[in-house]
Amino acid sequence: MGKIFKIENYWRNLDKHIFLSFILLFILGIFFSFSSTSFLADERLKKGYYFFFKNIFYMLLFPF
Protein backbone atom coordinates (compact mmCIF):
# COMPACT_ATOMS: atom_id res chain seq x y z
CA MET A 1 0.00 0.00 0.00
CA GLY A 2 2.88 2.40 0.69
CA LYS A 3 4.30 2.07 -2.81
CA ILE A 4 1.00 2.55 -4.64
CA PHE A 5 0.25 6.04 -3.28
CA LYS A 6 3.65 7.70 -3.64
CA ILE A 7 3.77 11.16 -5.17
CA GLU A 8 6.23 10.07 -7.86
CA ASN A 9 3.80 7.47 -9.16
CA TYR A 10 0.92 9.93 -9.09
CA TRP A 11 2.82 12.64 -10.99
CA ARG A 12 4.12 10.11 -13.53
CA ASN A 13 0.60 8.81 -14.27
CA LEU A 14 -1.07 12.22 -14.35
CA ASP A 15 -1.96 13.58 -17.79
CA LYS A 16 0.10 16.75 -17.60
CA HIS A 17 -1.45 18.45 -20.66
CA ILE A 18 -4.97 18.20 -19.26
CA PHE A 19 -3.82 19.19 -15.76
CA LEU A 20 -1.94 22.28 -16.98
CA SER A 21 -4.84 23.23 -19.26
CA PHE A 22 -7.20 23.01 -16.30
CA ILE A 23 -4.91 25.20 -14.16
CA LEU A 24 -4.55 27.75 -16.97
CA LEU A 25 -8.31 27.95 -17.53
CA PHE A 26 -8.90 28.28 -13.79
CA ILE A 27 -6.43 31.18 -13.52
CA LEU A 28 -7.89 32.88 -16.60
CA GLY A 29 -11.39 32.53 -15.13
CA ILE A 30 -10.30 34.17 -11.90
CA PHE A 31 -8.57 36.97 -13.83
CA PHE A 32 -11.61 37.73 -16.00
CA SER A 33 -13.93 37.52 -13.01
CA PHE A 34 -11.91 40.11 -11.12
CA SER A 35 -11.47 42.40 -14.11
CA SER A 36 -15.12 42.44 -15.17
CA THR A 37 -16.67 42.88 -11.73
CA SER A 38 -14.79 46.13 -11.07
CA PHE A 39 -16.23 47.62 -14.24
CA LEU A 40 -19.78 46.49 -13.40
CA ALA A 41 -19.59 47.74 -9.81
CA ASP A 42 -18.34 51.14 -10.92
CA GLU A 43 -21.04 51.42 -13.55
CA ARG A 44 -23.99 50.30 -11.41
CA LEU A 45 -23.07 51.03 -7.79
CA LYS A 46 -20.50 53.83 -8.14
CA LYS A 47 -18.18 51.69 -5.99
CA GLY A 48 -15.28 50.60 -8.18
CA TYR A 49 -13.81 47.91 -5.97
CA TYR A 50 -16.89 46.56 -4.17
CA PHE A 51 -17.02 43.20 -5.93
CA PHE A 52 -13.24 42.98 -6.13
CA PHE A 53 -12.89 42.89 -2.34
CA LYS A 54 -15.91 40.63 -2.05
CA ASN A 55 -14.30 38.17 -4.49
CA ILE A 56 -11.00 38.34 -2.58
CA PHE A 57 -12.86 37.49 0.62
CA TYR A 58 -14.57 34.45 -0.91
CA MET A 59 -11.39 33.35 -2.65
CA LEU A 60 -9.60 33.28 0.72
CA LEU A 61 -12.48 31.25 2.18
CA PHE A 62 -12.43 28.77 -0.72
CA PRO A 63 -9.78 26.35 0.63
CA PHE A 64 -11.78 25.81 3.81
PDB file of N, CA and C in Angstrom:
ATOM      1  N   MET A   1       0.824  -1.199   0.000  1.00  0.00           N
ATOM      2  CA  MET A   1       0.000   0.000   0.000  1.00  0.00           C
ATOM      3  C   MET A   1       0.861   1.252   0.000  1.00  0.00           C
ATOM      4  N   GLY A   2       2.014   1.239   0.637  1.00  0.00           N
ATOM      5  CA  GLY A   2       2.883   2.402   0.689  1.00  0.00           C
ATOM      6  C   GLY A   2       3.447   2.774  -0.662  1.00  0.00           C
ATOM      7  N   LYS A   3       3.716   1.787  -1.510  1.00  0.00           N
ATOM      8  CA  LYS A   3       4.301   2.071  -2.814  1.00  0.00           C
ATOM      9  C   LYS A   3       3.281   2.570  -3.828  1.00  0.00           C
ATOM     10  N   ILE A   4       2.032   2.187  -3.659  1.00  0.00           N
ATOM     11  CA  ILE A   4       1.004   2.547  -4.636  1.00  0.00           C
ATOM     12  C   ILE A   4       0.706   4.044  -4.599  1.00  0.00           C
ATOM     13  N   PHE A   5       0.690   4.662  -3.432  1.00  0.00           N
ATOM     14  CA  PHE A   5       0.251   6.044  -3.281  1.00  0.00           C
ATOM     15  C   PHE A   5       1.393   7.043  -3.158  1.00  0.00           C
ATOM     16  N   LYS A   6       2.540   6.742  -3.694  1.00  0.00           N
ATOM     17  CA  LYS A   6       3.646   7.700  -3.645  1.00  0.00           C
ATOM     18  C   LYS A   6       3.413   8.827  -4.648  1.00  0.00           C
ATOM     19  N   ILE A   7       3.935   9.976  -4.322  1.00  0.00           N
ATOM     20  CA  ILE A   7       3.768  11.158  -5.168  1.00  0.00           C
ATOM     21  C   ILE A   7       4.418  10.948  -6.533  1.00  0.00           C
ATOM     22  N   GLU A   8       5.548  10.276  -6.575  1.00  0.00           N
ATOM     23  CA  GLU A   8       6.232  10.073  -7.859  1.00  0.00           C
ATOM     24  C   GLU A   8       5.351   9.282  -8.818  1.00  0.00           C
ATOM     25  N   ASN A   9       4.689   8.260  -8.311  1.00  0.00           N
ATOM     26  CA  ASN A   9       3.799   7.468  -9.163  1.00  0.00           C
ATOM     27  C   ASN A   9       2.598   8.284  -9.616  1.00  0.00           C
ATOM     28  N   TYR A  10       2.073   9.111  -8.735  1.00  0.00           N
ATOM     29  CA  TYR A  10       0.922   9.934  -9.086  1.00  0.00           C
ATOM     30  C   TYR A  10       1.303  10.947 -10.177  1.00  0.00           C
ATOM     31  N   TRP A  11       2.411  11.627 -10.013  1.00  0.00           N
ATOM     32  CA  TRP A  11       2.818  12.637 -10.986  1.00  0.00           C
ATOM     33  C   TRP A  11       3.184  11.993 -12.323  1.00  0.00           C
ATOM     34  N   ARG A  12       3.747  10.799 -12.297  1.00  0.00           N
ATOM     35  CA  ARG A  12       4.116  10.115 -13.527  1.00  0.00           C
ATOM     36  C   ARG A  12       2.882   9.679 -14.307  1.00  0.00           C
ATOM     37  N   ASN A  13       1.816   9.302 -13.605  1.00  0.00           N
ATOM     38  CA  ASN A  13       0.604   8.812 -14.266  1.00  0.00           C
ATOM     39  C   ASN A  13      -0.404   9.917 -14.593  1.00  0.00           C
ATOM     40  N   LEU A  14      -0.162  11.105 -14.113  1.00  0.00           N
ATOM     41  CA  LEU A  14      -1.068  12.220 -14.352  1.00  0.00           C
ATOM     42  C   LEU A  14      -0.909  12.721 -15.782  1.00  0.00           C
ATOM     43  N   ASP A  15      -2.027  12.997 -16.453  1.00  0.00           N
ATOM     44  CA  ASP A  15      -1.958  13.578 -17.793  1.00  0.00           C
ATOM     45  C   ASP A  15      -1.636  15.063 -17.638  1.00  0.00           C
ATOM     46  N   LYS A  16      -0.391  15.398 -17.892  1.00  0.00           N
ATOM     47  CA  LYS A  16       0.098  16.745 -17.602  1.00  0.00           C
ATOM     48  C   LYS A  16      -0.525  17.809 -18.504  1.00  0.00           C
ATOM     49  N   HIS A  17      -0.837  17.466 -19.749  1.00  0.00           N
ATOM     50  CA  HIS A  17      -1.446  18.446 -20.655  1.00  0.00           C
ATOM     51  C   HIS A  17      -2.840  18.848 -20.161  1.00  0.00           C
ATOM     52  N   ILE A  18      -3.628  17.887 -19.757  1.00  0.00           N
ATOM     53  CA  ILE A  18      -4.967  18.201 -19.260  1.00  0.00           C
ATOM     54  C   ILE A  18      -4.875  18.945 -17.929  1.00  0.00           C
ATOM     55  N   PHE A  19      -3.982  18.539 -17.068  1.00  0.00           N
ATOM     56  CA  PHE A  19      -3.819  19.191 -15.759  1.00  0.00           C
ATOM     57  C   PHE A  19      -3.389  20.646 -15.926  1.00  0.00           C
ATOM     58  N   LEU A  20      -2.402  20.901 -16.772  1.00  0.00           N
ATOM     59  CA  LEU A  20      -1.936  22.276 -16.982  1.00  0.00           C
ATOM     60  C   LEU A  20      -2.987  23.121 -17.702  1.00  0.00           C
ATOM     61  N   SER A  21      -3.750  22.509 -18.603  1.00  0.00           N
ATOM     62  CA  SER A  21      -4.840  23.230 -19.261  1.00  0.00           C
ATOM     63  C   SER A  21      -5.915  23.620 -18.257  1.00  0.00           C
ATOM     64  N   PHE A  22      -6.225  22.720 -17.338  1.00  0.00           N
ATOM     65  CA  PHE A  22      -7.201  23.013 -16.295  1.00  0.00           C
ATOM     66  C   PHE A  22      -6.725  24.162 -15.420  1.00  0.00           C
ATOM     67  N   ILE A  23      -5.461  24.130 -15.003  1.00  0.00           N
ATOM     68  CA  ILE A  23      -4.914  25.200 -14.157  1.00  0.00           C
ATOM     69  C   ILE A  23      -4.930  26.531 -14.907  1.00  0.00           C
ATOM     70  N   LEU A  24      -4.550  26.529 -16.179  1.00  0.00           N
ATOM     71  CA  LEU A  24      -4.545  27.752 -16.971  1.00  0.00           C
ATOM     72  C   LEU A  24      -5.955  28.318 -17.109  1.00  0.00           C
ATOM     73  N   LEU A  25      -6.932  27.476 -17.399  1.00  0.00           N
ATOM     74  CA  LEU A  25      -8.309  27.953 -17.527  1.00  0.00           C
ATOM     75  C   LEU A  25      -8.855  28.464 -16.196  1.00  0.00           C
ATOM     76  N   PHE A  26      -8.473  27.829 -15.109  1.00  0.00           N
ATOM     77  CA  PHE A  26      -8.900  28.276 -13.787  1.00  0.00           C
ATOM     78  C   PHE A  26      -8.335  29.664 -13.483  1.00  0.00           C
ATOM     79  N   ILE A  27      -7.066  29.879 -13.763  1.00  0.00           N
ATOM     80  CA  ILE A  27      -6.425  31.181 -13.519  1.00  0.00           C
ATOM     81  C   ILE A  27      -7.020  32.253 -14.426  1.00  0.00           C
ATOM     82  N   LEU A  28      -7.266  31.919 -15.692  1.00  0.00           N
ATOM     83  CA  LEU A  28      -7.890  32.880 -16.599  1.00  0.00           C
ATOM     84  C   LEU A  28      -9.307  33.239 -16.140  1.00  0.00           C
ATOM     85  N   GLY A  29     -10.047  32.259 -15.646  1.00  0.00           N
ATOM     86  CA  GLY A  29     -11.388  32.527 -15.133  1.00  0.00           C
ATOM     87  C   GLY A  29     -11.368  33.470 -13.951  1.00  0.00           C
ATOM     88  N   ILE A  30     -10.423  33.265 -13.051  1.00  0.00           N
ATOM     89  CA  ILE A  30     -10.298  34.172 -11.896  1.00  0.00           C
ATOM     90  C   ILE A  30      -9.923  35.570 -12.367  1.00  0.00           C
ATOM     91  N   PHE A  31      -8.996  35.663 -13.308  1.00  0.00           N
ATOM     92  CA  PHE A  31      -8.572  36.966 -13.829  1.00  0.00           C
ATOM     93  C   PHE A  31      -9.748  37.719 -14.457  1.00  0.00           C
ATOM     94  N   PHE A  32     -10.503  37.053 -15.333  1.00  0.00           N
ATOM     95  CA  PHE A  32     -11.612  37.730 -16.003  1.00  0.00           C
ATOM     96  C   PHE A  32     -12.743  38.044 -15.028  1.00  0.00           C
ATOM     97  N   SER A  33     -12.921  37.232 -14.018  1.00  0.00           N
ATOM     98  CA  SER A  33     -13.931  37.522 -13.011  1.00  0.00           C
ATOM     99  C   SER A  33     -13.578  38.791 -12.251  1.00  0.00           C
ATOM    100  N   PHE A  34     -12.336  38.916 -11.852  1.00  0.00           N
ATOM    101  CA  PHE A  34     -11.910  40.110 -11.120  1.00  0.00           C
ATOM    102  C   PHE A  34     -11.929  41.349 -12.007  1.00  0.00           C
ATOM    103  N   SER A  35     -11.540  41.216 -13.253  1.00  0.00           N
ATOM    104  CA  SER A  35     -11.468  42.400 -14.106  1.00  0.00           C
ATOM    105  C   SER A  35     -12.852  42.884 -14.525  1.00  0.00           C
ATOM    106  N   SER A  36     -13.802  41.998 -14.724  1.00  0.00           N
ATOM    107  CA  SER A  36     -15.124  42.438 -15.167  1.00  0.00           C
ATOM    108  C   SER A  36     -15.971  42.959 -14.018  1.00  0.00           C
ATOM    109  N   THR A  37     -15.812  42.434 -12.824  1.00  0.00           N
ATOM    110  CA  THR A  37     -16.671  42.881 -11.725  1.00  0.00           C
ATOM    111  C   THR A  37     -16.348  44.303 -11.288  1.00  0.00           C
ATOM    112  N   SER A  38     -15.117  44.740 -11.422  1.00  0.00           N
ATOM    113  CA  SER A  38     -14.791  46.125 -11.071  1.00  0.00           C
ATOM    114  C   SER A  38     -15.501  47.105 -11.991  1.00  0.00           C
ATOM    115  N   PHE A  39     -15.555  46.765 -13.270  1.00  0.00           N
ATOM    116  CA  PHE A  39     -16.232  47.621 -14.242  1.00  0.00           C
ATOM    117  C   PHE A  39     -17.734  47.674 -13.955  1.00  0.00           C
ATOM    118  N   LEU A  40     -18.344  46.529 -13.672  1.00  0.00           N
ATOM    119  CA  LEU A  40     -19.781  46.492 -13.397  1.00  0.00           C
ATOM    120  C   LEU A  40     -20.128  47.229 -12.102  1.00  0.00           C
ATOM    121  N   ALA A  41     -19.322  47.063 -11.085  1.00  0.00           N
ATOM    122  CA  ALA A  41     -19.593  47.735  -9.815  1.00  0.00           C
ATOM    123  C   ALA A  41     -19.475  49.243  -9.962  1.00  0.00           C
ATOM    124  N   ASP A  42     -18.507  49.700 -10.717  1.00  0.00           N
ATOM    125  CA  ASP A  42     -18.342  51.139 -10.917  1.00  0.00           C
ATOM    126  C   ASP A  42     -19.516  51.702 -11.713  1.00  0.00           C
ATOM    127  N   GLU A  43     -19.960  50.956 -12.700  1.00  0.00           N
ATOM    128  CA  GLU A  43     -21.042  51.423 -13.549  1.00  0.00           C
ATOM    129  C   GLU A  43     -22.382  51.449 -12.813  1.00  0.00           C
ATOM    130  N   ARG A  44     -22.663  50.429 -12.028  1.00  0.00           N
ATOM    131  CA  ARG A  44     -23.987  50.304 -11.413  1.00  0.00           C
ATOM    132  C   ARG A  44     -24.059  50.840  -9.985  1.00  0.00           C
ATOM    133  N   LEU A  45     -23.008  50.661  -9.202  1.00  0.00           N
ATOM    134  CA  LEU A  45     -23.068  51.026  -7.793  1.00  0.00           C
ATOM    135  C   LEU A  45     -22.225  52.245  -7.437  1.00  0.00           C
ATOM    136  N   LYS A  46     -21.440  52.717  -8.374  1.00  0.00           N
ATOM    137  CA  LYS A  46     -20.499  53.827  -8.136  1.00  0.00           C
ATOM    138  C   LYS A  46     -19.478  53.476  -7.052  1.00  0.00           C
ATOM    139  N   LYS A  47     -19.212  52.179  -6.904  1.00  0.00           N
ATOM    140  CA  LYS A  47     -18.175  51.693  -5.987  1.00  0.00           C
ATOM    141  C   LYS A  47     -17.263  50.784  -6.813  1.00  0.00           C
ATOM    142  N   GLY A  48     -16.144  51.305  -7.236  1.00  0.00           N
ATOM    143  CA  GLY A  48     -15.285  50.598  -8.183  1.00  0.00           C
ATOM    144  C   GLY A  48     -14.737  49.271  -7.712  1.00  0.00           C
ATOM    145  N   TYR A  49     -14.460  49.126  -6.434  1.00  0.00           N
ATOM    146  CA  TYR A  49     -13.807  47.907  -5.968  1.00  0.00           C
ATOM    147  C   TYR A  49     -14.685  47.084  -5.028  1.00  0.00           C
ATOM    148  N   TYR A  50     -15.987  47.281  -5.063  1.00  0.00           N
ATOM    149  CA  TYR A  50     -16.894  46.564  -4.170  1.00  0.00           C
ATOM    150  C   TYR A  50     -16.824  45.053  -4.406  1.00  0.00           C
ATOM    151  N   PHE A  51     -17.035  44.620  -5.634  1.00  0.00           N
ATOM    152  CA  PHE A  51     -17.019  43.197  -5.934  1.00  0.00           C
ATOM    153  C   PHE A  51     -15.609  42.618  -5.903  1.00  0.00           C
ATOM    154  N   PHE A  52     -14.620  43.452  -6.174  1.00  0.00           N
ATOM    155  CA  PHE A  52     -13.238  42.983  -6.129  1.00  0.00           C
ATOM    156  C   PHE A  52     -12.886  42.490  -4.727  1.00  0.00           C
ATOM    157  N   PHE A  53     -13.195  43.291  -3.712  1.00  0.00           N
ATOM    158  CA  PHE A  53     -12.886  42.891  -2.339  1.00  0.00           C
ATOM    159  C   PHE A  53     -13.793  41.749  -1.876  1.00  0.00           C
ATOM    160  N   LYS A  54     -15.015  41.727  -2.379  1.00  0.00           N
ATOM    161  CA  LYS A  54     -15.915  40.625  -2.051  1.00  0.00           C
ATOM    162  C   LYS A  54     -15.376  39.317  -2.643  1.00  0.00           C
ATOM    163  N   ASN A  55     -14.889  39.354  -3.870  1.00  0.00           N
ATOM    164  CA  ASN A  55     -14.297  38.170  -4.488  1.00  0.00           C
ATOM    165  C   ASN A  55     -13.027  37.737  -3.770  1.00  0.00           C
ATOM    166  N   ILE A  56     -12.205  38.675  -3.338  1.00  0.00           N
ATOM    167  CA  ILE A  56     -11.000  38.339  -2.581  1.00  0.00           C
ATOM    168  C   ILE A  56     -11.384  37.615  -1.293  1.00  0.00           C
ATOM    169  N   PHE A  57     -12.406  38.104  -0.621  1.00  0.00           N
ATOM    170  CA  PHE A  57     -12.863  37.486   0.623  1.00  0.00           C
ATOM    171  C   PHE A  57     -13.291  36.041   0.395  1.00  0.00           C
ATOM    172  N   TYR A  58     -14.105  35.812  -0.637  1.00  0.00           N
ATOM    173  CA  TYR A  58     -14.570  34.452  -0.913  1.00  0.00           C
ATOM    174  C   TYR A  58     -13.455  33.566  -1.443  1.00  0.00           C
ATOM    175  N   MET A  59     -12.507  34.145  -2.154  1.00  0.00           N
ATOM    176  CA  MET A  59     -11.388  33.353  -2.653  1.00  0.00           C
ATOM    177  C   MET A  59     -10.508  32.874  -1.486  1.00  0.00           C
ATOM    178  N   LEU A  60     -10.362  33.694  -0.456  1.00  0.00           N
ATOM    179  CA  LEU A  60      -9.600  33.283   0.717  1.00  0.00           C
ATOM    180  C   LEU A  60     -10.349  32.232   1.531  1.00  0.00           C
ATOM    181  N   LEU A  61     -11.672  32.259   1.478  1.00  0.00           N
ATOM    182  CA  LEU A  61     -12.476  31.251   2.176  1.00  0.00           C
ATOM    183  C   LEU A  61     -12.555  29.928   1.411  1.00  0.00           C
ATOM    184  N   PHE A  62     -12.271  29.943   0.141  1.00  0.00           N
ATOM    185  CA  PHE A  62     -12.433  28.771  -0.722  1.00  0.00           C
ATOM    186  C   PHE A  62     -11.711  27.528  -0.234  1.00  0.00           C
ATOM    187  N   PRO A  63     -10.450  27.584   0.219  1.00  0.00           N
ATOM    188  CA  PRO A  63      -9.777  26.348   0.628  1.00  0.00           C
ATOM    189  C   PRO A  63     -10.416  25.668   1.838  1.00  0.00           C
ATOM    190  N   PHE A  64     -11.189  26.395   2.617  1.00  0.00           N
ATOM    191  CA  PHE A  64     -11.782  25.806   3.810  1.00  0.00           C
ATOM    192  C   PHE A  64     -13.131  25.293   3.458  1.00  0.00           C
TER     193      PHE A  64
END
